Protein backbone atom coordinates (compact mmCIF):
# COMPACT_ATOMS: atom_id res chain seq x y z
CA MET A 1 128.07 59.56 23.23
CA ALA A 2 126.81 60.10 26.70
CA HIS A 3 128.72 62.53 28.90
CA LYS A 4 129.88 61.26 32.25
CA ARG A 5 128.98 63.40 35.25
CA TYR A 6 131.61 63.83 37.91
CA THR A 7 131.15 65.06 41.50
CA SER A 8 134.01 66.41 43.50
CA GLY A 9 134.35 66.73 47.33
CA PHE A 10 136.25 69.17 49.51
CA THR A 11 139.92 69.38 49.17
CA LEU A 12 142.07 68.66 52.18
CA MET A 13 142.85 72.36 52.53
CA GLU A 14 139.16 73.32 52.49
CA LEU A 15 138.38 70.68 55.11
CA MET A 16 141.14 71.92 57.38
CA ILE A 17 139.94 75.52 57.08
CA ALA A 18 136.36 74.47 57.87
CA LEU A 19 137.49 72.52 60.94
CA ALA A 20 139.61 75.44 62.14
CA LEU A 21 136.71 77.85 61.77
CA GLY A 22 134.41 75.45 63.60
CA LEU A 23 136.88 75.09 66.46
CA LEU A 24 137.19 78.87 66.74
CA ILE A 25 133.41 79.26 66.95
CA VAL A 26 133.13 76.50 69.58
CA ALA A 27 136.00 78.03 71.58
CA ALA A 28 134.37 81.47 71.47
CA GLY A 29 131.03 80.00 72.56
CA LEU A 30 132.70 78.05 75.37
CA ALA A 31 134.50 81.18 76.57
CA VAL A 32 131.22 83.10 76.67
CA PHE A 33 129.55 80.22 78.51
CA LEU A 34 132.29 79.96 81.13
CA SER A 35 132.33 83.73 81.61
CA SER A 36 128.56 83.73 82.06
CA GLN A 37 128.80 80.92 84.59
CA ARG A 38 131.40 82.80 86.62
CA SER A 39 129.36 85.98 86.43
CA LEU A 40 126.23 84.10 87.51
CA GLY A 41 128.06 82.56 90.47
CA LEU A 42 129.42 85.94 91.53
CA GLN A 43 126.04 87.66 91.21
CA SER A 44 124.22 84.82 93.00
CA GLY A 45 126.74 84.96 95.84
CA MET A 46 126.39 88.73 96.20
CA SER A 47 122.59 88.51 96.03
CA GLU A 48 122.52 85.84 98.75
CA LEU A 49 124.95 87.86 100.86
CA GLN A 50 122.86 91.03 100.63
CA GLN A 51 119.56 89.27 101.29
CA ASN A 52 120.85 87.43 104.35
CA ALA A 53 122.53 90.53 105.77
CA ASN A 54 119.55 92.81 105.23
CA PHE A 55 117.05 90.29 106.57
CA GLY A 56 119.10 89.51 109.68
CA LEU A 57 119.81 93.16 110.38
CA SER A 58 116.13 94.05 110.01
CA LEU A 59 115.30 91.58 112.82
CA VAL A 60 117.88 93.18 115.08
CA THR A 61 116.82 96.76 114.34
CA HIS A 62 113.16 95.87 114.93
CA ASP A 63 114.07 94.84 118.48
CA LEU A 64 116.40 97.79 119.06
CA ARG A 65 113.56 100.22 118.34
CA HIS A 66 111.98 99.11 121.62
CA THR A 67 114.95 100.52 123.54
CA ASN A 68 113.91 102.64 126.55
CA LEU A 69 110.18 101.93 126.12
CA ASN A 70 108.30 102.48 129.40
CA THR A 71 111.45 102.43 131.54
CA ALA A 72 112.16 104.48 134.68
CA SER A 73 114.65 106.64 132.77
CA SER A 74 112.48 109.76 132.27
CA HIS A 75 113.18 109.30 128.55
CA ARG A 76 116.92 109.83 128.98
CA VAL A 77 119.53 107.27 127.91
CA ASN A 78 122.98 107.62 129.46
CA ASN A 79 125.37 105.62 131.59
CA TYR A 80 124.38 107.27 134.91
CA ASN A 81 120.59 107.14 134.61
CA ASN A 82 118.69 104.39 136.41
CA GLY A 83 116.44 102.65 133.90
CA SER A 84 118.43 103.83 130.87
CA GLY A 85 117.30 101.94 127.76
CA ILE A 86 120.92 101.06 126.96
CA ILE A 87 122.68 99.31 129.85
CA PHE A 88 126.26 100.57 130.17
CA LYS A 89 126.95 99.84 133.82
CA LYS A 90 125.33 98.68 137.07
CA GLU A 91 123.88 102.14 137.79
CA ASN A 92 121.45 101.64 134.88
CA LEU A 93 119.71 98.85 136.84
CA PRO A 94 117.74 98.76 140.10
CA THR A 95 119.93 98.71 143.21
CA ALA A 96 119.07 95.09 144.02
CA LEU A 97 120.40 93.96 140.61
CA GLN A 98 123.68 95.82 140.72
CA ALA A 99 125.48 92.88 142.34
CA THR A 100 124.51 90.50 139.49
CA ALA A 101 127.41 88.14 138.70
CA ASN A 102 129.50 89.10 135.64
CA LEU A 103 127.32 92.18 135.11
CA GLU A 104 129.93 94.75 134.07
CA THR A 105 132.36 92.26 132.54
CA GLU A 106 129.91 90.30 130.37
CA LEU A 107 126.31 91.50 130.40
CA VAL A 108 126.41 95.25 129.72
CA SER A 109 127.22 97.13 126.49
CA LEU A 110 130.94 96.77 125.78
CA GLN A 111 133.37 97.84 123.06
CA ASP A 112 136.01 95.51 121.58
CA LYS A 113 134.87 92.54 123.66
CA ASP A 114 134.37 89.53 121.36
CA THR A 115 136.86 87.74 119.11
CA ASP A 116 135.95 87.89 115.42
CA ASN A 117 137.55 87.48 111.98
CA THR A 118 139.30 90.86 112.05
CA THR A 119 142.45 92.21 113.64
CA GLY A 120 140.27 93.88 116.29
CA LYS A 121 137.27 92.70 118.29
CA SER A 122 133.51 93.09 118.09
CA ASP A 123 131.19 95.12 120.31
CA ARG A 124 128.18 94.23 122.45
CA ILE A 125 124.97 96.17 122.97
CA THR A 126 122.49 95.52 125.80
CA ILE A 127 119.06 97.15 125.88
CA GLN A 128 116.05 97.14 128.20
CA TYR A 129 112.38 98.03 127.78
CA THR A 130 108.92 97.27 129.16
CA PRO A 131 106.35 95.96 126.65
CA GLU A 132 102.95 97.56 126.20
CA THR A 133 101.18 94.23 125.72
CA GLU A 134 100.23 91.28 127.90
CA SER A 135 102.65 88.93 126.14
CA ILE A 136 105.53 89.21 123.71
CA ILE A 137 107.97 86.93 121.90
CA ASN A 138 111.52 87.88 122.84
CA CYS A 139 114.59 87.58 120.62
CA GLU A 140 115.13 83.98 121.77
CA GLY A 141 111.70 83.05 120.40
CA ALA A 142 110.21 82.51 123.86
CA THR A 143 106.76 83.78 124.79
CA ILE A 144 106.92 86.08 127.81
CA GLY A 145 103.86 87.07 129.82
CA THR A 146 100.44 85.64 130.64
CA ALA A 147 97.10 87.06 131.73
CA ALA A 148 98.05 86.34 135.34
CA ALA A 149 101.61 87.71 134.97
CA PRO A 150 101.62 90.14 132.01
CA ALA A 151 104.81 91.15 130.24
CA SER A 152 103.88 94.78 130.90
CA ASN A 153 104.90 94.16 134.53
CA LEU A 154 108.40 93.12 133.45
CA VAL A 155 111.52 94.82 132.14
CA ILE A 156 112.89 92.88 129.17
CA VAL A 157 116.68 92.84 128.77
CA GLN A 158 118.24 91.78 125.44
CA ARG A 159 121.95 91.50 124.70
CA TYR A 160 123.48 91.25 121.21
CA TYR A 161 126.98 89.87 120.75
CA LEU A 162 129.23 87.79 118.49
CA ALA A 163 130.37 84.22 119.27
CA ALA A 164 131.74 81.24 117.36
CA SER A 165 129.06 79.11 115.71
CA PRO A 166 128.68 75.52 116.95
CA GLN A 167 129.21 74.19 113.42
CA GLN A 168 132.63 74.81 111.89
CA ILE A 169 133.83 73.68 108.44
CA THR A 170 137.44 72.68 107.87
CA GLY A 171 139.21 74.92 105.36
CA GLU A 172 136.88 77.88 105.91
CA PRO A 173 137.47 80.95 108.09
CA THR A 174 136.09 80.57 111.62
CA ALA A 175 132.31 80.92 111.46
CA TYR A 176 130.89 83.49 113.87
CA SER A 177 127.22 84.26 114.50
CA LEU A 178 125.38 87.23 115.92
CA TYR A 179 123.51 86.02 119.02
CA CYS A 180 120.77 87.50 121.15
CA ASP A 181 120.45 86.61 124.83
CA ALA A 182 117.22 87.65 126.55
CA GLY A 183 116.16 87.93 130.19
CA SER A 184 113.73 89.87 132.34
CA TYR A 185 113.16 91.25 135.82
CA SER A 186 110.16 92.58 137.70
CA LYS A 187 109.33 96.23 137.12
CA SER A 188 108.12 96.65 140.69
CA GLY A 189 109.54 95.75 144.08
CA SER A 190 113.18 94.78 144.50
CA PRO A 191 114.11 92.19 141.86
CA THR A 192 117.16 90.11 142.73
CA ALA A 193 117.94 88.53 139.35
CA ILE A 194 117.65 89.07 135.61
CA THR A 195 115.99 85.76 134.81
CA GLY A 196 117.34 84.11 131.66
CA LEU A 197 120.34 86.37 131.09
CA GLY A 198 123.80 84.81 131.37
CA VAL A 199 127.23 84.37 129.86
CA HIS A 200 127.51 82.59 126.51
CA GLY A 201 127.27 78.83 126.82
CA SER A 202 125.19 78.95 129.99
CA ASN A 203 122.22 80.77 128.47
CA ASN A 204 119.59 80.13 125.79
CA ALA A 205 120.94 82.71 123.36
CA GLN A 206 119.72 82.28 119.80
CA GLN A 207 121.53 82.86 116.54
CA MET A 208 120.19 85.94 114.76
CA MET A 209 122.63 85.82 111.83
CA GLN A 210 125.29 83.37 110.68
CA ARG A 211 128.68 84.08 109.08
CA VAL A 212 129.18 87.50 110.62
CA ASP A 213 132.86 88.45 110.62
CA ALA A 214 132.45 91.59 112.75
CA PHE A 215 129.78 93.49 114.72
CA LYS A 216 130.27 97.15 115.67
CA VAL A 217 128.18 99.80 117.41
CA ARG A 218 128.28 103.60 117.47
CA LEU A 219 126.08 105.86 119.58
CA GLY A 220 124.36 108.99 118.32
CA VAL A 221 124.53 111.45 121.22
CA LYS A 222 123.05 114.89 121.82
CA ASN A 223 124.55 117.54 124.09
CA PRO A 224 122.54 120.11 126.07
CA ALA A 225 122.82 122.56 123.16
CA GLY A 226 121.07 120.06 120.90
CA GLN A 227 124.19 119.27 118.84
CA LEU A 228 124.53 115.70 117.57
CA ARG A 229 127.56 113.50 116.96
CA TYR A 230 128.49 109.80 116.85
CA MET A 231 130.79 108.12 119.35
CA THR A 232 132.00 104.63 120.05
CA ILE A 233 130.94 103.12 123.37
CA ASP A 234 134.33 103.80 124.99
CA GLN A 235 134.46 107.37 123.64
CA TYR A 236 131.01 108.04 125.08
CA ILE A 237 131.83 106.62 128.53
CA ALA A 238 135.08 108.63 128.65
CA ALA A 239 133.28 111.84 127.66
CA MET A 240 130.61 111.27 130.31
CA GLU A 241 133.25 110.67 133.00
CA THR A 242 134.86 114.00 132.08
CA ILE A 243 131.51 115.80 132.25
CA ARG A 244 130.63 114.27 135.59
CA ALA A 245 134.05 115.08 137.03
CA ALA A 246 133.41 118.74 136.18
CA CYS A 247 130.19 118.82 138.23
CA ALA A 248 130.34 120.59 141.58
CA THR A 249 130.78 118.33 144.58
CA PRO A 250 128.90 116.99 146.32
CA ILE A 251 127.18 116.04 143.07
CA VAL A 252 123.53 116.99 142.82
CA GLU A 253 122.22 114.57 140.20
CA ASP A 254 119.33 116.77 139.02
CA THR A 255 121.78 119.60 138.33
CA CYS A 256 124.67 117.56 136.93
CA SER A 257 122.40 115.56 134.60
CA LYS A 258 121.57 118.76 132.70
CA THR A 259 125.12 118.68 131.29
CA TYR A 260 125.07 115.02 130.21
CA LEU A 261 125.32 113.65 126.70
CA ASN A 262 122.16 111.61 126.08
CA VAL A 263 122.01 108.82 123.51
CA VAL A 264 119.30 109.35 120.90
CA SER A 265 120.27 106.78 118.25
CA MET A 266 122.47 103.78 117.52
CA GLU A 267 124.40 102.90 114.39
CA ILE A 268 124.97 99.17 114.16
CA GLY A 269 127.04 97.44 111.52
CA ILE A 270 127.93 93.91 110.52
CA LEU A 271 130.54 92.47 108.18
CA SER A 272 128.72 89.60 106.49
CA ARG A 273 130.41 86.71 104.63
CA SER A 274 129.02 84.64 101.76
CA THR A 275 128.17 80.98 102.23
CA GLY A 276 129.86 79.66 99.07
CA THR A 277 133.17 80.42 97.42
CA ILE A 278 133.57 82.47 94.25
CA GLY A 279 135.94 80.10 92.45
CA ALA A 280 138.20 81.55 89.76
CA ASP A 281 137.21 85.12 90.65
CA ALA A 282 138.96 84.80 94.00
CA SER A 283 142.08 86.40 92.56
CA LEU A 284 140.10 89.60 91.94
CA ASN A 285 138.68 89.70 95.48
CA THR A 286 141.45 91.71 97.13
CA GLN A 287 139.52 93.92 99.55
CA THR A 288 140.63 93.35 103.15
CA SER A 289 139.47 96.55 104.87
CA PHE A 290 135.87 97.60 105.47
CA ASN A 291 133.95 100.35 107.26
CA VAL A 292 131.59 98.85 109.82
CA ALA A 293 129.40 101.37 111.67
CA GLY A 294 132.00 104.07 111.11
CA THR A 295 134.84 101.88 112.37
CA PRO A 296 137.59 100.65 110.00
CA VAL A 297 138.14 96.89 110.31
CA THR A 298 140.73 94.67 108.63
CA LEU A 299 140.40 90.95 107.98
CA SER A 300 142.70 88.59 109.82
CA GLY A 301 143.69 85.01 109.00
CA ASP A 302 144.81 83.31 105.77
CA VAL A 303 144.72 85.80 102.88
CA ALA A 304 144.21 83.11 100.23
CA VAL A 305 141.27 81.60 102.15
CA ASN A 306 139.69 85.02 102.75
CA LYS A 307 139.80 85.80 99.02
CA ARG A 308 137.49 82.88 98.26
CA TYR A 309 134.51 84.54 100.00
CA LEU A 310 132.52 87.66 99.27
CA ARG A 311 132.00 90.10 102.12
CA GLN A 312 129.86 93.17 102.57
CA ALA A 313 129.55 95.71 105.36
CA VAL A 314 125.91 96.53 106.14
CA ASN A 315 125.19 99.48 108.44
CA GLN A 316 121.93 100.87 109.78
CA VAL A 317 120.98 103.74 112.08
CA VAL A 318 118.22 103.14 114.63
CA ALA A 319 116.57 106.16 116.25
CA ILE A 320 115.67 105.64 119.90
CA ARG A 321 112.15 106.97 119.56
CA ASN A 322 111.47 106.58 123.28
CA THR A 323 113.80 109.51 124.08
CA LEU A 324 111.87 112.10 122.10
CA GLY A 325 110.05 113.36 125.20
CA ALA A 326 113.19 113.83 127.26
CA SER A 327 113.28 116.97 129.35
CA SER A 328 116.44 119.00 129.69
């Protein structure tokens, strides 16, 4: 008698256990995938933020290294010296230019001048220099100088400041950009205008960096004893006024200038913001205070909106190499 062969399948209990195990494995894999996606988004955002900030700041610092080159300052940078590589006030320019419209309210180096995305305001820095070459490309991208009228016969003036970008996106914090405005005047004779330099909106200023929430400047100064320290623009101007007030009257500039604080470096800092949001990780992004060029800044505006964007403070010190030959 032939034996019948029987085959049996899974029981209902075995099937349910197998399905449960499968679901657990899929859920674990999905969790790892989602976590990796969030991590990738966060890392990509930070990488983009750092690259943009470092690249933009490198362009600015490249220009700032020209400060005081071939000027009439005798290698000294201060707010009383004619030809000073940093322009603080009208006395740093030739007499004929000291009546320039909006000069000391808009065009010179200023602290806490421009609205930004913090509870304070951003600074401005204005430099001047004379190129060594026949022609240069200024920070606006314009070619200055020809064989007939070389750039080496001009003093180039460049001003860096923060202003609202022309393109704004609804639902995002106000977008600010770091701009550079460039002009020039004749090195000889009695120039009557800084050609090309003007207030924002009436000039050809170019964006150097986008999505900059704050821009701050500190000055590295050296006293007659050779001691160094950093000061904000206002601190420096106040200290220089005190020093000058202590000089014997009538003031003999050659004597009084030996007690001045001369600027030998600049520390510039930006607070850069990411282009895209960071999604679900926004709840972990709670930092609202940053150190920008030695100055504490705090974000303003909608806290929930601010959390959606990564930010990083990037600071860099620029030595003013064209002061190294300064005499005491």
